[in-house]
N, C-alpha and C. Protein backbone atom coordinates (compact mmCIF):
# COMPACT_ATOMS: atom_id res chain seq x y z
N MET A 1 0.83 -1.20 0.00
CA MET A 1 0.00 0.00 0.00
C MET A 1 0.87 1.26 0.00
N ILE A 2 0.40 2.25 -0.69
CA ILE A 2 1.09 3.53 -0.70
C ILE A 2 0.56 4.36 0.46
N SER A 3 1.46 4.85 1.28
CA SER A 3 1.06 5.67 2.43
C SER A 3 0.63 7.05 1.93
N GLU A 4 -0.06 7.78 2.79
CA GLU A 4 -0.49 9.13 2.44
C GLU A 4 0.72 10.03 2.15
N GLU A 5 1.78 9.86 2.92
CA GLU A 5 2.99 10.67 2.72
C GLU A 5 3.60 10.40 1.34
N VAL A 6 3.73 9.13 0.99
CA VAL A 6 4.29 8.76 -0.31
C VAL A 6 3.37 9.21 -1.43
N LYS A 7 2.07 9.04 -1.23
CA LYS A 7 1.09 9.47 -2.23
C LYS A 7 1.21 10.97 -2.49
N HIS A 8 1.28 11.75 -1.41
CA HIS A 8 1.39 13.20 -1.55
C HIS A 8 2.68 13.58 -2.27
N ASP A 9 3.79 12.97 -1.87
CA ASP A 9 5.09 13.25 -2.49
C ASP A 9 5.07 12.87 -3.97
N ALA A 10 4.55 11.68 -4.27
CA ALA A 10 4.49 11.23 -5.66
C ALA A 10 3.61 12.14 -6.51
N MET A 11 2.45 12.50 -5.99
CA MET A 11 1.54 13.36 -6.75
C MET A 11 2.15 14.74 -7.00
N THR A 12 2.84 15.28 -6.00
CA THR A 12 3.50 16.58 -6.17
C THR A 12 4.54 16.50 -7.29
N ARG A 13 5.34 15.44 -7.25
CA ARG A 13 6.37 15.26 -8.28
C ARG A 13 5.75 15.02 -9.65
N LEU A 14 4.69 14.22 -9.71
CA LEU A 14 4.05 13.93 -10.99
C LEU A 14 3.41 15.17 -11.60
N LYS A 15 2.88 16.05 -10.78
CA LYS A 15 2.31 17.30 -11.30
C LYS A 15 3.41 18.17 -11.91
N LYS A 16 4.60 18.14 -11.29
CA LYS A 16 5.73 18.88 -11.87
C LYS A 16 6.14 18.27 -13.20
N VAL A 17 6.16 16.94 -13.27
CA VAL A 17 6.50 16.26 -14.52
C VAL A 17 5.47 16.60 -15.59
N GLU A 18 4.21 16.63 -15.19
CA GLU A 18 3.15 16.99 -16.13
C GLU A 18 3.43 18.38 -16.73
N GLY A 19 3.84 19.30 -15.89
CA GLY A 19 4.19 20.64 -16.38
C GLY A 19 5.40 20.61 -17.30
N GLN A 20 6.37 19.78 -16.94
CA GLN A 20 7.56 19.65 -17.80
C GLN A 20 7.17 19.11 -19.17
N ILE A 21 6.30 18.13 -19.20
CA ILE A 21 5.87 17.54 -20.48
C ILE A 21 5.14 18.57 -21.33
N ARG A 22 4.27 19.34 -20.68
CA ARG A 22 3.57 20.40 -21.43
C ARG A 22 4.58 21.39 -22.01
N GLY A 23 5.60 21.72 -21.22
CA GLY A 23 6.64 22.62 -21.70
C GLY A 23 7.41 22.04 -22.88
N ILE A 24 7.69 20.76 -22.82
CA ILE A 24 8.40 20.10 -23.92
C ILE A 24 7.54 20.12 -25.18
N MET A 25 6.25 19.87 -25.00
CA MET A 25 5.35 19.89 -26.16
C MET A 25 5.36 21.27 -26.83
N LYS A 26 5.36 22.31 -26.02
CA LYS A 26 5.39 23.68 -26.57
C LYS A 26 6.72 23.92 -27.28
N MET A 27 7.81 23.41 -26.68
CA MET A 27 9.11 23.59 -27.32
C MET A 27 9.15 22.93 -28.69
N VAL A 28 8.60 21.73 -28.79
CA VAL A 28 8.56 21.03 -30.08
C VAL A 28 7.66 21.81 -31.05
N GLU A 29 6.50 22.20 -30.56
CA GLU A 29 5.55 22.95 -31.40
C GLU A 29 6.18 24.23 -31.93
N ASN A 30 6.97 24.90 -31.09
CA ASN A 30 7.60 26.16 -31.48
C ASN A 30 8.97 25.97 -32.12
N GLU A 31 9.30 24.71 -32.39
CA GLU A 31 10.55 24.36 -33.10
C GLU A 31 11.79 24.93 -32.41
N LYS A 32 11.85 24.75 -31.10
CA LYS A 32 13.01 25.22 -30.33
C LYS A 32 14.23 24.37 -30.67
N TYR A 33 15.37 24.81 -30.20
CA TYR A 33 16.65 24.15 -30.46
C TYR A 33 16.61 22.71 -29.93
N CYS A 34 17.00 21.77 -30.77
CA CYS A 34 16.89 20.34 -30.45
C CYS A 34 17.55 19.96 -29.13
N ILE A 35 18.74 20.48 -28.89
CA ILE A 35 19.45 20.12 -27.66
C ILE A 35 18.70 20.62 -26.43
N ASP A 36 18.07 21.77 -26.52
CA ASP A 36 17.26 22.28 -25.41
C ASP A 36 16.08 21.34 -25.14
N ILE A 37 15.47 20.85 -26.20
CA ILE A 37 14.35 19.91 -26.04
C ILE A 37 14.84 18.62 -25.39
N ILE A 38 15.95 18.10 -25.88
CA ILE A 38 16.50 16.86 -25.33
C ILE A 38 16.86 17.04 -23.85
N ASN A 39 17.41 18.17 -23.51
CA ASN A 39 17.74 18.43 -22.10
C ASN A 39 16.50 18.43 -21.22
N GLN A 40 15.42 18.98 -21.72
CA GLN A 40 14.17 18.99 -20.95
C GLN A 40 13.56 17.59 -20.85
N ILE A 41 13.68 16.81 -21.91
CA ILE A 41 13.20 15.43 -21.87
C ILE A 41 14.00 14.64 -20.83
N THR A 42 15.30 14.84 -20.82
CA THR A 42 16.16 14.16 -19.84
C THR A 42 15.77 14.54 -18.42
N ALA A 43 15.48 15.80 -18.19
CA ALA A 43 15.06 16.25 -16.86
C ALA A 43 13.74 15.58 -16.45
N ALA A 44 12.80 15.47 -17.39
CA ALA A 44 11.52 14.83 -17.09
C ALA A 44 11.71 13.34 -16.79
N GLU A 45 12.58 12.69 -17.55
CA GLU A 45 12.87 11.27 -17.30
C GLU A 45 13.46 11.07 -15.91
N LYS A 46 14.38 11.94 -15.52
CA LYS A 46 14.98 11.84 -14.18
C LYS A 46 13.93 12.07 -13.10
N ALA A 47 13.03 13.00 -13.34
CA ALA A 47 11.97 13.26 -12.37
C ALA A 47 11.06 12.04 -12.21
N LEU A 48 10.73 11.39 -13.32
CA LEU A 48 9.91 10.18 -13.26
C LEU A 48 10.65 9.05 -12.53
N LYS A 49 11.93 8.93 -12.77
CA LYS A 49 12.72 7.91 -12.06
C LYS A 49 12.71 8.20 -10.56
N GLY A 50 12.70 9.46 -10.18
CA GLY A 50 12.61 9.83 -8.77
C GLY A 50 11.30 9.36 -8.15
N VAL A 51 10.20 9.51 -8.88
CA VAL A 51 8.90 9.03 -8.41
C VAL A 51 8.95 7.51 -8.29
N SER A 52 9.52 6.86 -9.27
CA SER A 52 9.65 5.40 -9.24
C SER A 52 10.42 4.95 -8.00
N ARG A 53 11.49 5.65 -7.68
CA ARG A 53 12.31 5.28 -6.51
C ARG A 53 11.53 5.39 -5.20
N ILE A 54 10.77 6.47 -5.03
CA ILE A 54 10.05 6.61 -3.76
C ILE A 54 8.93 5.57 -3.64
N ILE A 55 8.31 5.23 -4.77
CA ILE A 55 7.27 4.21 -4.72
C ILE A 55 7.89 2.83 -4.51
N MET A 56 9.02 2.57 -5.14
CA MET A 56 9.69 1.28 -4.95
C MET A 56 10.16 1.12 -3.51
N LYS A 57 10.68 2.19 -2.93
CA LYS A 57 11.12 2.15 -1.53
C LYS A 57 9.95 1.79 -0.63
N ARG A 58 8.82 2.43 -0.86
CA ARG A 58 7.62 2.14 -0.06
C ARG A 58 7.18 0.69 -0.26
N HIS A 59 7.28 0.22 -1.49
CA HIS A 59 6.91 -1.17 -1.79
C HIS A 59 7.77 -2.14 -0.98
N VAL A 60 9.05 -1.88 -0.93
CA VAL A 60 9.95 -2.75 -0.16
C VAL A 60 9.62 -2.68 1.32
N GLU A 61 9.41 -1.47 1.82
CA GLU A 61 9.12 -1.29 3.25
C GLU A 61 7.80 -1.91 3.67
N SER A 62 6.83 -1.94 2.77
CA SER A 62 5.51 -2.44 3.16
C SER A 62 5.21 -3.81 2.55
N CYS A 63 5.05 -3.88 1.26
CA CYS A 63 4.61 -5.11 0.60
C CYS A 63 5.62 -6.24 0.70
N VAL A 64 6.87 -5.95 0.38
CA VAL A 64 7.88 -7.00 0.44
C VAL A 64 8.12 -7.44 1.88
N ALA A 65 8.23 -6.47 2.78
CA ALA A 65 8.45 -6.82 4.19
C ALA A 65 7.30 -7.66 4.73
N SER A 66 6.09 -7.30 4.37
CA SER A 66 4.91 -8.05 4.81
C SER A 66 4.93 -9.47 4.24
N ALA A 67 5.25 -9.60 2.96
CA ALA A 67 5.30 -10.92 2.33
C ALA A 67 6.35 -11.80 3.00
N ILE A 68 7.49 -11.23 3.33
CA ILE A 68 8.55 -11.99 4.00
C ILE A 68 8.07 -12.47 5.36
N SER A 69 7.42 -11.58 6.10
CA SER A 69 6.95 -11.96 7.44
C SER A 69 5.86 -13.03 7.39
N LEU A 70 5.15 -13.11 6.25
CA LEU A 70 4.11 -14.12 6.08
C LEU A 70 4.64 -15.41 5.41
N GLY A 71 5.96 -15.44 5.19
CA GLY A 71 6.56 -16.61 4.56
C GLY A 71 6.38 -16.68 3.06
N GLN A 72 6.02 -15.56 2.46
CA GLN A 72 5.80 -15.50 1.01
C GLN A 72 6.83 -14.59 0.33
N GLY A 73 7.99 -14.49 0.93
CA GLY A 73 9.00 -13.55 0.46
C GLY A 73 9.59 -13.89 -0.88
N LYS A 74 9.68 -15.17 -1.19
CA LYS A 74 10.33 -15.57 -2.45
C LYS A 74 9.66 -14.92 -3.66
N ASP A 75 8.34 -15.01 -3.73
CA ASP A 75 7.62 -14.42 -4.86
C ASP A 75 7.76 -12.90 -4.89
N ALA A 76 7.65 -12.28 -3.73
CA ALA A 76 7.77 -10.82 -3.65
C ALA A 76 9.16 -10.35 -4.06
N ILE A 77 10.17 -11.09 -3.63
CA ILE A 77 11.55 -10.73 -3.98
C ILE A 77 11.78 -10.94 -5.47
N ASN A 78 11.29 -12.03 -6.03
CA ASN A 78 11.43 -12.26 -7.47
C ASN A 78 10.75 -11.15 -8.27
N GLU A 79 9.57 -10.76 -7.84
CA GLU A 79 8.86 -9.68 -8.52
C GLU A 79 9.66 -8.37 -8.44
N LEU A 80 10.21 -8.11 -7.26
CA LEU A 80 11.00 -6.90 -7.07
C LEU A 80 12.24 -6.90 -7.95
N VAL A 81 12.94 -8.02 -7.99
CA VAL A 81 14.15 -8.12 -8.80
C VAL A 81 13.81 -7.94 -10.28
N ASP A 82 12.73 -8.55 -10.75
CA ASP A 82 12.31 -8.37 -12.15
C ASP A 82 12.03 -6.90 -12.44
N THR A 83 11.38 -6.23 -11.51
CA THR A 83 11.07 -4.81 -11.69
C THR A 83 12.34 -3.97 -11.71
N ILE A 84 13.27 -4.28 -10.83
CA ILE A 84 14.55 -3.54 -10.80
C ILE A 84 15.28 -3.71 -12.14
N TYR A 85 15.28 -4.92 -12.69
CA TYR A 85 15.91 -5.13 -13.99
C TYR A 85 15.23 -4.30 -15.07
N LYS A 86 13.91 -4.25 -15.06
CA LYS A 86 13.19 -3.45 -16.06
C LYS A 86 13.53 -1.97 -15.94
N VAL A 87 13.54 -1.49 -14.71
CA VAL A 87 13.83 -0.07 -14.48
C VAL A 87 15.27 0.26 -14.89
N SER A 88 16.19 -0.63 -14.60
CA SER A 88 17.59 -0.34 -14.88
C SER A 88 17.91 -0.41 -16.37
N LYS A 89 17.08 -1.08 -17.17
CA LYS A 89 17.30 -1.16 -18.61
C LYS A 89 16.87 0.12 -19.32
N SER A 90 16.02 0.88 -18.69
CA SER A 90 15.51 2.08 -19.37
C SER A 90 16.42 3.27 -19.19
C-alpha cells in the first residue's frame, strides 16, 4: 500500500512532470533548439525515475516486508528483482 505521505510526495512530483511535459510539447511545437528539447526530456525522465524510486522504496518497506513476514517472500523478492531489472534497462 502507498502511504499518504508517499502518495502526496508522488503526486506533487508527478504534477511537476506533467508541467515539464507540457513545456516540452510547446518547445517542439515552437521548433526550439533540439538540444534544449533533449535536455528537458532528460530532466523529465529523471523526475519520473525519482517518483519510481520513492514508490519502490515504499513497496519494499511495506509489501515485500509483509510478504517476507508471512513466509511469502520468495515471490515478492522475485517480482522486485524483475522490476529492478526493467527499471535499470531504461
